[in-house]
Amino acid sequence: MSFAATLATEKVAQTISGGVAGVFMHGPTFMGNPLACAVPCASVDLLTASPWREFIRRIEQQMSDELEDARNHKEVSDVRTLGAIGVIETRKPVDVGKIQSMFVKEGIWVRPFGKNIYIMPPYIIESDQLTKLTTGILKVIHEYYG
């Protein structure tokens, strides 16, 4: 279900809404579709009814521990975690097509961005699933850089 929110200055909002329909027309994502609005509300209800803070602390600690080995690679400039976000920053941008296909061969979906190989796993990820993700990333980094 698509759902979006956009912030804009008054001038930008008036320009978009007062102009001829065109590239900025995204009616279905902000027309107040009842189902599209109910889905994020239900998602927030599920989140707030769970021990999500504990999930994030567990994920952060596990990623921090398991990604640490990447710090020893000469092509890695930084390894960091913040909450449920883990990042391995390389010294140079990676070839996204090449490295992404290597991730897929490992059975994981990772989409690097520039010099950042990052993951933002769902809060309900199990420890063994997160380990598959982190070990797959480390294996690919070592293979990618030789």
N, C-alpha and C. Protein backbone atom coordinates (compact mmCIF):
# COMPACT_ATOMS: atom_id res chain seq x y z
N MET A 1 0.85 -1.16 0.00
CA MET A 1 0.00 0.00 0.00
C MET A 1 0.90 1.23 0.00
N SER A 2 0.76 2.07 -0.95
CA SER A 2 1.61 3.25 -0.97
C SER A 2 1.03 4.30 -0.03
N PHE A 3 1.94 4.99 0.63
CA PHE A 3 1.54 6.06 1.54
C PHE A 3 2.71 7.01 1.63
N ALA A 4 2.45 8.28 1.49
CA ALA A 4 3.54 9.23 1.50
C ALA A 4 3.10 10.53 2.16
N ALA A 5 4.09 11.25 2.62
CA ALA A 5 3.87 12.59 3.14
C ALA A 5 4.95 13.48 2.55
N THR A 6 4.58 14.68 2.19
CA THR A 6 5.53 15.61 1.60
C THR A 6 5.44 16.95 2.32
N LEU A 7 6.58 17.48 2.66
CA LEU A 7 6.64 18.81 3.27
C LEU A 7 7.16 19.79 2.23
N ALA A 8 6.56 20.95 2.17
CA ALA A 8 6.99 21.96 1.21
C ALA A 8 6.65 23.35 1.76
N THR A 9 7.35 24.33 1.26
CA THR A 9 7.00 25.70 1.63
C THR A 9 5.66 26.03 0.99
N GLU A 10 5.02 27.08 1.48
CA GLU A 10 3.74 27.52 0.92
C GLU A 10 3.88 27.82 -0.57
N LYS A 11 4.97 28.48 -0.95
CA LYS A 11 5.18 28.85 -2.36
C LYS A 11 5.29 27.60 -3.24
N VAL A 12 6.06 26.59 -2.79
CA VAL A 12 6.21 25.36 -3.57
C VAL A 12 4.88 24.62 -3.64
N ALA A 13 4.18 24.51 -2.52
CA ALA A 13 2.89 23.81 -2.50
C ALA A 13 1.89 24.47 -3.44
N GLN A 14 1.81 25.79 -3.43
CA GLN A 14 0.89 26.51 -4.32
C GLN A 14 1.28 26.33 -5.78
N THR A 15 2.57 26.31 -6.06
CA THR A 15 3.04 26.12 -7.44
C THR A 15 2.64 24.74 -7.95
N ILE A 16 2.83 23.74 -7.10
CA ILE A 16 2.48 22.37 -7.51
C ILE A 16 0.97 22.22 -7.65
N SER A 17 0.21 22.64 -6.65
CA SER A 17 -1.23 22.40 -6.69
C SER A 17 -1.97 23.35 -7.63
N GLY A 18 -1.39 24.50 -7.92
CA GLY A 18 -2.05 25.46 -8.79
C GLY A 18 -1.67 25.34 -10.25
N GLY A 19 -0.71 24.47 -10.55
CA GLY A 19 -0.24 24.34 -11.92
C GLY A 19 -1.03 23.29 -12.70
N VAL A 20 -0.66 23.12 -13.94
CA VAL A 20 -1.27 22.11 -14.80
C VAL A 20 -0.84 20.73 -14.32
N ALA A 21 -1.77 19.78 -14.35
CA ALA A 21 -1.44 18.41 -13.93
C ALA A 21 -0.28 17.89 -14.77
N GLY A 22 0.66 17.27 -14.12
CA GLY A 22 1.83 16.79 -14.84
C GLY A 22 2.66 15.89 -13.96
N VAL A 23 3.96 16.08 -14.02
CA VAL A 23 4.89 15.19 -13.34
C VAL A 23 4.68 15.15 -11.83
N PHE A 24 4.19 16.23 -11.23
CA PHE A 24 4.02 16.25 -9.78
C PHE A 24 2.68 15.69 -9.32
N MET A 25 1.88 15.18 -10.22
CA MET A 25 0.59 14.62 -9.84
C MET A 25 0.79 13.21 -9.26
N HIS A 26 0.56 13.08 -7.97
CA HIS A 26 0.67 11.80 -7.29
C HIS A 26 -0.58 11.57 -6.46
N GLY A 27 -1.71 11.79 -7.06
CA GLY A 27 -2.99 11.72 -6.36
C GLY A 27 -3.20 10.51 -5.48
N PRO A 28 -2.95 9.30 -5.96
CA PRO A 28 -3.25 8.13 -5.14
C PRO A 28 -2.48 8.09 -3.82
N THR A 29 -1.34 8.75 -3.73
CA THR A 29 -0.59 8.67 -2.48
C THR A 29 -1.02 9.71 -1.47
N PHE A 30 -1.80 10.71 -1.87
CA PHE A 30 -2.23 11.68 -0.86
C PHE A 30 -3.70 12.08 -0.99
N MET A 31 -4.51 11.22 -1.58
CA MET A 31 -5.92 11.54 -1.74
C MET A 31 -6.76 11.10 -0.54
N GLY A 32 -6.11 10.60 0.49
CA GLY A 32 -6.88 10.18 1.66
C GLY A 32 -7.56 8.83 1.48
N ASN A 33 -7.01 7.97 0.64
CA ASN A 33 -7.56 6.63 0.46
C ASN A 33 -7.67 5.97 1.83
N PRO A 34 -8.87 5.55 2.25
CA PRO A 34 -9.04 4.99 3.59
C PRO A 34 -8.14 3.79 3.89
N LEU A 35 -7.97 2.89 2.94
CA LEU A 35 -7.11 1.74 3.18
C LEU A 35 -5.66 2.16 3.29
N ALA A 36 -5.23 3.07 2.41
CA ALA A 36 -3.84 3.54 2.46
C ALA A 36 -3.57 4.27 3.78
N CYS A 37 -4.56 4.90 4.35
CA CYS A 37 -4.38 5.58 5.64
C CYS A 37 -4.47 4.61 6.81
N ALA A 38 -5.26 3.55 6.69
CA ALA A 38 -5.42 2.57 7.77
C ALA A 38 -4.17 1.72 7.96
N VAL A 39 -3.47 1.41 6.88
CA VAL A 39 -2.29 0.55 6.96
C VAL A 39 -1.20 1.15 7.85
N PRO A 40 -0.77 2.39 7.66
CA PRO A 40 0.27 2.92 8.55
C PRO A 40 -0.23 3.07 10.00
N CYS A 41 -1.51 3.36 10.17
CA CYS A 41 -2.04 3.44 11.54
C CYS A 41 -1.95 2.09 12.23
N ALA A 42 -2.30 1.03 11.53
CA ALA A 42 -2.20 -0.32 12.10
C ALA A 42 -0.74 -0.68 12.35
N SER A 43 0.14 -0.26 11.46
CA SER A 43 1.56 -0.53 11.63
C SER A 43 2.10 0.15 12.89
N VAL A 44 1.72 1.40 13.10
CA VAL A 44 2.16 2.13 14.29
C VAL A 44 1.58 1.47 15.55
N ASP A 45 0.34 1.02 15.48
CA ASP A 45 -0.27 0.31 16.62
C ASP A 45 0.51 -0.95 16.96
N LEU A 46 0.88 -1.72 15.93
CA LEU A 46 1.66 -2.94 16.16
C LEU A 46 3.02 -2.61 16.77
N LEU A 47 3.65 -1.58 16.25
CA LEU A 47 4.96 -1.18 16.76
C LEU A 47 4.87 -0.77 18.22
N THR A 48 3.96 0.11 18.55
CA THR A 48 3.90 0.62 19.92
C THR A 48 3.41 -0.42 20.92
N ALA A 49 2.78 -1.48 20.46
CA ALA A 49 2.34 -2.56 21.35
C ALA A 49 3.45 -3.58 21.59
N SER A 50 4.57 -3.44 20.89
CA SER A 50 5.68 -4.39 21.02
C SER A 50 6.79 -3.77 21.88
N PRO A 51 7.73 -4.61 22.33
CA PRO A 51 8.89 -4.08 23.05
C PRO A 51 9.96 -3.60 22.05
N TRP A 52 9.58 -2.67 21.18
CA TRP A 52 10.45 -2.27 20.07
C TRP A 52 11.77 -1.69 20.53
N ARG A 53 11.82 -1.03 21.65
CA ARG A 53 13.10 -0.48 22.13
C ARG A 53 14.09 -1.60 22.44
N GLU A 54 13.58 -2.68 23.02
CA GLU A 54 14.44 -3.85 23.30
C GLU A 54 14.91 -4.48 21.99
N PHE A 55 14.03 -4.57 21.01
CA PHE A 55 14.41 -5.12 19.71
C PHE A 55 15.56 -4.31 19.11
N ILE A 56 15.43 -2.99 19.16
CA ILE A 56 16.45 -2.12 18.57
C ILE A 56 17.78 -2.26 19.31
N ARG A 57 17.74 -2.31 20.64
CA ARG A 57 18.98 -2.46 21.41
C ARG A 57 19.67 -3.78 21.05
N ARG A 58 18.89 -4.86 20.92
CA ARG A 58 19.46 -6.16 20.57
C ARG A 58 20.08 -6.11 19.18
N ILE A 59 19.36 -5.55 18.23
CA ILE A 59 19.85 -5.45 16.86
C ILE A 59 21.12 -4.61 16.80
N GLU A 60 21.10 -3.46 17.47
CA GLU A 60 22.26 -2.57 17.46
C GLU A 60 23.49 -3.27 18.03
N GLN A 61 23.34 -3.96 19.15
CA GLN A 61 24.48 -4.63 19.77
C GLN A 61 25.01 -5.76 18.87
N GLN A 62 24.10 -6.55 18.32
CA GLN A 62 24.52 -7.65 17.45
C GLN A 62 25.20 -7.14 16.19
N MET A 63 24.64 -6.11 15.56
CA MET A 63 25.29 -5.57 14.36
C MET A 63 26.66 -4.99 14.70
N SER A 64 26.73 -4.28 15.80
CA SER A 64 28.00 -3.69 16.22
C SER A 64 29.06 -4.78 16.39
N ASP A 65 28.70 -5.86 17.06
CA ASP A 65 29.63 -6.97 17.28
C ASP A 65 30.00 -7.67 15.97
N GLU A 66 29.01 -7.97 15.16
CA GLU A 66 29.23 -8.79 13.97
C GLU A 66 29.83 -8.03 12.79
N LEU A 67 29.64 -6.75 12.71
CA LEU A 67 30.23 -5.97 11.61
C LEU A 67 31.62 -5.45 11.94
N GLU A 68 32.03 -5.58 13.19
CA GLU A 68 33.32 -5.05 13.63
C GLU A 68 34.48 -5.56 12.80
N ASP A 69 34.44 -6.81 12.36
CA ASP A 69 35.52 -7.40 11.57
C ASP A 69 35.81 -6.62 10.29
N ALA A 70 34.81 -5.94 9.76
CA ALA A 70 35.01 -5.17 8.52
C ALA A 70 36.01 -4.04 8.74
N ARG A 71 36.13 -3.57 9.97
CA ARG A 71 37.04 -2.47 10.29
C ARG A 71 38.48 -2.82 9.94
N ASN A 72 38.81 -4.12 9.93
CA ASN A 72 40.17 -4.57 9.65
C ASN A 72 40.52 -4.58 8.16
N HIS A 73 39.52 -4.37 7.31
CA HIS A 73 39.79 -4.40 5.86
C HIS A 73 40.34 -3.06 5.41
N LYS A 74 41.38 -3.08 4.60
CA LYS A 74 42.06 -1.85 4.17
C LYS A 74 41.17 -0.93 3.33
N GLU A 75 40.13 -1.47 2.68
CA GLU A 75 39.24 -0.65 1.85
C GLU A 75 38.05 -0.09 2.63
N VAL A 76 37.98 -0.39 3.92
CA VAL A 76 36.88 0.10 4.77
C VAL A 76 37.39 1.28 5.60
N SER A 77 36.68 2.40 5.53
CA SER A 77 37.10 3.58 6.30
C SER A 77 36.37 3.69 7.63
N ASP A 78 35.18 3.10 7.76
CA ASP A 78 34.44 3.21 9.01
C ASP A 78 33.38 2.13 9.09
N VAL A 79 33.07 1.75 10.32
CA VAL A 79 31.98 0.84 10.61
C VAL A 79 31.20 1.48 11.75
N ARG A 80 29.89 1.63 11.58
CA ARG A 80 29.11 2.27 12.63
C ARG A 80 27.69 1.72 12.69
N THR A 81 27.13 1.81 13.87
CA THR A 81 25.73 1.43 14.06
C THR A 81 25.05 2.53 14.87
N LEU A 82 23.80 2.71 14.60
CA LEU A 82 22.97 3.62 15.37
C LEU A 82 21.57 3.02 15.37
N GLY A 83 21.15 2.55 16.52
CA GLY A 83 19.86 1.87 16.58
C GLY A 83 19.88 0.66 15.68
N ALA A 84 18.89 0.54 14.82
CA ALA A 84 18.80 -0.60 13.92
C ALA A 84 19.37 -0.30 12.54
N ILE A 85 20.35 0.60 12.48
CA ILE A 85 21.02 0.92 11.22
C ILE A 85 22.49 0.56 11.36
N GLY A 86 22.99 -0.24 10.44
CA GLY A 86 24.40 -0.60 10.42
C GLY A 86 25.02 -0.16 9.11
N VAL A 87 26.21 0.44 9.20
CA VAL A 87 26.87 0.98 8.00
C VAL A 87 28.33 0.55 7.97
N ILE A 88 28.74 0.08 6.82
CA ILE A 88 30.16 -0.11 6.53
C ILE A 88 30.48 0.89 5.43
N GLU A 89 31.36 1.82 5.74
CA GLU A 89 31.73 2.85 4.77
C GLU A 89 33.05 2.47 4.14
N THR A 90 33.06 2.41 2.82
CA THR A 90 34.27 2.06 2.09
C THR A 90 35.03 3.33 1.70
N ARG A 91 36.27 3.17 1.32
CA ARG A 91 37.09 4.33 0.97
C ARG A 91 36.67 4.94 -0.37
N LYS A 92 36.15 4.11 -1.27
CA LYS A 92 35.71 4.58 -2.58
C LYS A 92 34.31 4.02 -2.85
N PRO A 93 33.52 4.70 -3.69
CA PRO A 93 32.21 4.15 -4.03
C PRO A 93 32.32 2.77 -4.66
N VAL A 94 31.37 1.92 -4.34
CA VAL A 94 31.39 0.55 -4.90
C VAL A 94 30.64 0.53 -6.23
N ASP A 95 30.92 -0.48 -7.02
CA ASP A 95 30.18 -0.74 -8.25
C ASP A 95 28.89 -1.43 -7.81
N VAL A 96 27.80 -0.68 -7.77
CA VAL A 96 26.54 -1.18 -7.21
C VAL A 96 26.07 -2.45 -7.92
N GLY A 97 26.09 -2.46 -9.24
CA GLY A 97 25.64 -3.64 -9.98
C GLY A 97 26.43 -4.88 -9.62
N LYS A 98 27.74 -4.73 -9.57
CA LYS A 98 28.61 -5.87 -9.27
C LYS A 98 28.41 -6.37 -7.84
N ILE A 99 28.49 -5.46 -6.88
CA ILE A 99 28.44 -5.90 -5.49
C ILE A 99 27.03 -6.37 -5.11
N GLN A 100 26.01 -5.76 -5.69
CA GLN A 100 24.64 -6.16 -5.38
C GLN A 100 24.37 -7.58 -5.87
N SER A 101 24.90 -7.94 -7.03
CA SER A 101 24.71 -9.31 -7.51
C SER A 101 25.44 -10.30 -6.62
N MET A 102 26.55 -9.88 -6.02
CA MET A 102 27.27 -10.74 -5.08
C MET A 102 26.44 -10.94 -3.81
N PHE A 103 25.77 -9.89 -3.35
CA PHE A 103 24.90 -10.02 -2.18
C PHE A 103 23.77 -10.99 -2.47
N VAL A 104 23.16 -10.87 -3.64
CA VAL A 104 22.05 -11.75 -4.02
C VAL A 104 22.52 -13.21 -4.04
N LYS A 105 23.72 -13.47 -4.54
CA LYS A 105 24.26 -14.84 -4.54
C LYS A 105 24.41 -15.37 -3.13
N GLU A 106 24.61 -14.48 -2.16
CA GLU A 106 24.70 -14.88 -0.75
C GLU A 106 23.32 -15.06 -0.12
N GLY A 107 22.29 -14.75 -0.89
CA GLY A 107 20.94 -14.89 -0.38
C GLY A 107 20.49 -13.73 0.50
N ILE A 108 21.11 -12.57 0.30
CA ILE A 108 20.73 -11.39 1.07
C ILE A 108 20.47 -10.23 0.12
N TRP A 109 19.63 -9.30 0.54
CA TRP A 109 19.33 -8.13 -0.29
C TRP A 109 19.91 -6.92 0.41
N VAL A 110 20.94 -6.35 -0.20
CA VAL A 110 21.61 -5.17 0.33
C VAL A 110 21.77 -4.20 -0.83
N ARG A 111 21.40 -2.96 -0.61
CA ARG A 111 21.52 -1.96 -1.67
C ARG A 111 22.49 -0.87 -1.22
N PRO A 112 23.74 -0.96 -1.65
CA PRO A 112 24.72 0.06 -1.27
C PRO A 112 24.37 1.41 -1.87
N PHE A 113 24.91 2.44 -1.27
CA PHE A 113 24.70 3.79 -1.77
C PHE A 113 26.04 4.51 -1.69
N GLY A 114 26.63 4.77 -2.85
CA GLY A 114 27.94 5.44 -2.88
C GLY A 114 29.00 4.60 -2.18
N LYS A 115 29.52 5.13 -1.09
CA LYS A 115 30.55 4.42 -0.32
C LYS A 115 29.95 3.67 0.87
N ASN A 116 28.64 3.72 1.03
CA ASN A 116 28.00 3.11 2.19
C ASN A 116 27.29 1.81 1.85
N ILE A 117 27.68 0.77 2.56
CA ILE A 117 26.97 -0.50 2.51
C ILE A 117 26.21 -0.52 3.83
N TYR A 118 24.91 -0.39 3.74
CA TYR A 118 24.13 -0.21 4.96
C TYR A 118 22.96 -1.18 5.02
N ILE A 119 22.55 -1.47 6.24
CA ILE A 119 21.38 -2.31 6.45
C ILE A 119 20.49 -1.65 7.50
N MET A 120 19.21 -1.85 7.32
CA MET A 120 18.20 -1.37 8.26
C MET A 120 17.19 -2.50 8.42
N PRO A 121 17.57 -3.55 9.14
CA PRO A 121 16.68 -4.72 9.23
C PRO A 121 15.40 -4.41 10.00
N PRO A 122 14.36 -5.18 9.74
CA PRO A 122 13.12 -4.98 10.48
C PRO A 122 13.34 -5.29 11.96
N TYR A 123 12.60 -4.62 12.80
CA TYR A 123 12.76 -4.80 14.25
C TYR A 123 12.47 -6.22 14.71
N ILE A 124 11.75 -6.99 13.92
CA ILE A 124 11.39 -8.36 14.31
C ILE A 124 12.38 -9.39 13.78
N ILE A 125 13.49 -8.95 13.21
CA ILE A 125 14.47 -9.90 12.68
C ILE A 125 15.00 -10.78 13.81
N GLU A 126 15.14 -12.06 13.53
CA GLU A 126 15.68 -13.00 14.51
C GLU A 126 17.20 -12.92 14.47
N SER A 127 17.85 -13.30 15.56
CA SER A 127 19.31 -13.22 15.66
C SER A 127 20.00 -13.99 14.56
N ASP A 128 19.51 -15.21 14.26
CA ASP A 128 20.16 -16.01 13.22
C ASP A 128 19.99 -15.38 11.83
N GLN A 129 18.88 -14.71 11.60
CA GLN A 129 18.66 -14.03 10.33
C GLN A 129 19.61 -12.84 10.20
N LEU A 130 19.80 -12.11 11.30
CA LEU A 130 20.72 -10.97 11.28
C LEU A 130 22.15 -11.44 11.07
N THR A 131 22.50 -12.56 11.68
CA THR A 131 23.84 -13.13 11.47
C THR A 131 24.05 -13.52 10.01
N LYS A 132 23.03 -14.08 9.37
CA LYS A 132 23.13 -14.41 7.95
C LYS A 132 23.41 -13.14 7.14
N LEU A 133 22.75 -12.07 7.51
CA LEU A 133 22.92 -10.80 6.82
C LEU A 133 24.32 -10.23 7.04
N THR A 134 24.77 -10.18 8.28
CA THR A 134 26.08 -9.58 8.57
C THR A 134 27.22 -10.44 8.04
N THR A 135 27.13 -11.76 8.18
CA THR A 135 28.21 -12.61 7.66
C THR A 135 28.24 -12.57 6.14
N GLY A 136 27.08 -12.47 5.51
CA GLY A 136 27.02 -12.36 4.06
C GLY A 136 27.67 -11.07 3.58
N ILE A 137 27.42 -9.98 4.29
CA ILE A 137 28.03 -8.69 3.92
C ILE A 137 29.55 -8.78 4.05
N LEU A 138 30.02 -9.32 5.16
CA LEU A 138 31.48 -9.43 5.36
C LEU A 138 32.12 -10.30 4.30
N LYS A 139 31.47 -11.41 3.97
CA LYS A 139 32.01 -12.31 2.93
C LYS A 139 32.10 -11.57 1.60
N VAL A 140 31.06 -10.86 1.24
CA VAL A 140 31.04 -10.14 -0.04
C VAL A 140 32.11 -9.05 -0.05
N ILE A 141 32.26 -8.33 1.03
CA ILE A 141 33.29 -7.28 1.07
C ILE A 141 34.67 -7.87 0.85
N HIS A 142 34.96 -8.99 1.50
CA HIS A 142 36.28 -9.62 1.32
C HIS A 142 36.45 -10.14 -0.10
N GLU A 143 35.39 -10.68 -0.70
CA GLU A 143 35.49 -11.17 -2.08
C GLU A 143 35.56 -10.01 -3.08
N TYR A 144 34.80 -8.98 -2.85
CA TYR A 144 34.74 -7.83 -3.75
C TYR A 144 36.11 -7.15 -3.85
N TYR A 145 36.76 -7.01 -2.71
CA TYR A 145 38.05 -6.34 -2.70
C TYR A 145 39.24 -7.28 -2.81
N GLY A 146 38.96 -8.56 -2.78
CA GLY A 146 40.04 -9.54 -2.94
C GLY A 146 40.91 -9.74 -1.73
